[in-house]
Amino acid sequence: LLTGREIPAEEAEQLGFVNQVVEDGSALSAAREYARLLCTNSPSSIQLTLELINEKIDVNDPAEAAKFEAKTFDKLITTHDFYEGPKAFAQKRLPKWKAG
């Protein structure tokens, strides 16, 4: 990236710069499918996972990172979704997530 060299899509995918390379003209349908997949998951889990990822980037101390992770988990267990997922699985039904 720092060299300014153009990186072909396939190489960018191999390097982890992009999640998926799709055929010309199918980017919108691939993005919609990715969004649909995300929407099947708990909004609370997604939000807290993103917070954890973004915060841990700046944490160089493993003990501090572990503390932040524990705080994030403490937030998660107070959500409806934390209990809804296993309950829905046990009842063989789709979960009914609640935002936030």
Protein backbone atom coordinates (compact mmCIF):
# COMPACT_ATOMS: atom_id res chain seq x y z
CA LEU A 1 0.00 0.00 0.00
CA LEU A 2 2.75 2.45 0.84
CA THR A 3 4.42 1.97 -2.53
CA GLY A 4 1.35 3.06 -4.46
CA ARG A 5 1.53 -0.13 -6.50
CA GLU A 6 -1.80 -1.20 -7.97
CA ILE A 7 -2.92 -4.45 -6.37
CA PRO A 8 -5.08 -6.80 -8.43
CA ALA A 9 -8.36 -7.81 -6.77
CA GLU A 10 -7.32 -11.45 -6.32
CA GLU A 11 -4.09 -10.43 -4.59
CA ALA A 12 -5.96 -7.96 -2.38
CA GLU A 13 -8.24 -10.82 -1.34
CA GLN A 14 -5.26 -13.09 -0.58
CA LEU A 15 -3.68 -10.33 1.52
CA GLY A 16 -6.90 -9.82 3.46
CA PHE A 17 -7.50 -6.29 2.20
CA VAL A 18 -10.92 -7.30 0.84
CA ASN A 19 -13.32 -10.01 2.00
CA GLN A 20 -14.40 -11.31 -1.37
CA VAL A 21 -13.74 -10.78 -5.06
CA VAL A 22 -16.84 -11.08 -7.25
CA GLU A 23 -17.53 -11.07 -10.97
CA ASP A 24 -18.06 -7.76 -12.76
CA GLY A 25 -21.62 -6.54 -12.31
CA SER A 26 -22.35 -8.64 -9.23
CA ALA A 27 -20.95 -6.40 -6.48
CA LEU A 28 -24.37 -5.12 -5.40
CA SER A 29 -25.90 -8.59 -5.10
CA ALA A 30 -22.82 -9.82 -3.20
CA ALA A 31 -23.04 -6.84 -0.84
CA ARG A 32 -26.75 -7.51 -0.27
CA GLU A 33 -26.02 -11.16 0.51
CA TYR A 34 -23.30 -10.11 2.97
CA ALA A 35 -25.73 -7.66 4.62
CA ARG A 36 -28.41 -10.37 4.78
CA LEU A 37 -25.94 -12.68 6.50
CA LEU A 38 -25.02 -9.99 9.04
CA CYS A 39 -28.70 -9.33 9.74
CA THR A 40 -29.22 -12.93 10.83
CA ASN A 41 -26.96 -12.27 13.82
CA SER A 42 -27.63 -10.48 17.08
CA PRO A 43 -27.37 -6.69 16.72
CA SER A 44 -25.98 -6.51 20.27
CA SER A 45 -23.25 -9.03 19.47
CA ILE A 46 -22.31 -7.26 16.26
CA GLN A 47 -22.15 -3.87 17.98
CA LEU A 48 -20.07 -5.12 20.90
CA THR A 49 -17.76 -7.12 18.64
CA LEU A 50 -17.06 -4.02 16.56
CA GLU A 51 -16.40 -2.00 19.73
CA LEU A 52 -14.01 -4.68 20.94
CA ILE A 53 -12.15 -4.82 17.64
CA ASN A 54 -11.86 -1.04 17.37
CA GLU A 55 -10.72 -0.55 20.96
CA LYS A 56 -8.21 -3.41 21.01
CA ILE A 57 -6.36 -1.91 18.07
CA ASP A 58 -5.02 0.79 20.39
CA VAL A 59 -4.26 -1.49 23.33
CA ASN A 60 -0.69 -2.75 23.46
CA ASP A 61 -0.94 -4.21 26.96
CA PRO A 62 -2.43 -7.74 26.97
CA ALA A 63 -3.74 -7.26 30.53
CA GLU A 64 -5.57 -4.08 29.49
CA ALA A 65 -6.94 -5.84 26.41
CA ALA A 66 -8.23 -8.69 28.58
CA LYS A 67 -9.88 -6.20 30.96
CA PHE A 68 -11.62 -4.47 28.06
CA GLU A 69 -12.74 -7.80 26.67
CA ALA A 70 -14.19 -8.78 30.07
CA LYS A 71 -16.05 -5.45 30.29
CA THR A 72 -17.47 -6.04 26.82
CA PHE A 73 -18.62 -9.52 27.78
CA ASP A 74 -20.23 -8.09 30.93
CA LYS A 75 -22.22 -5.75 28.67
CA LEU A 76 -23.22 -8.63 26.41
CA ILE A 77 -24.63 -10.81 29.18
CA THR A 78 -27.04 -8.03 30.14
CA THR A 79 -28.69 -8.11 26.71
CA HIS A 80 -31.82 -9.97 25.65
CA ASP A 81 -29.90 -11.46 22.72
CA PHE A 82 -27.37 -13.24 24.94
CA TYR A 83 -30.13 -15.49 26.24
CA GLU A 84 -32.31 -15.51 23.13
CA GLY A 85 -29.71 -17.24 20.94
CA PRO A 86 -29.29 -20.43 23.01
CA LYS A 87 -33.02 -20.47 23.85
CA ALA A 88 -33.99 -20.32 20.17
CA PHE A 89 -31.45 -23.02 19.34
CA ALA A 90 -32.84 -25.31 22.05
CA GLN A 91 -36.36 -24.70 20.80
CA LYS A 92 -35.27 -25.28 17.18
CA ARG A 93 -36.50 -21.90 15.99
CA LEU A 94 -34.97 -18.72 14.61
CA PRO A 95 -33.95 -16.20 17.28
CA LYS A 96 -35.93 -13.01 17.76
CA TRP A 97 -33.16 -10.46 18.21
CA LYS A 98 -33.69 -7.06 19.77
CA ALA A 99 -31.59 -4.08 18.72
CA GLY A 100 -29.35 -2.53 21.36
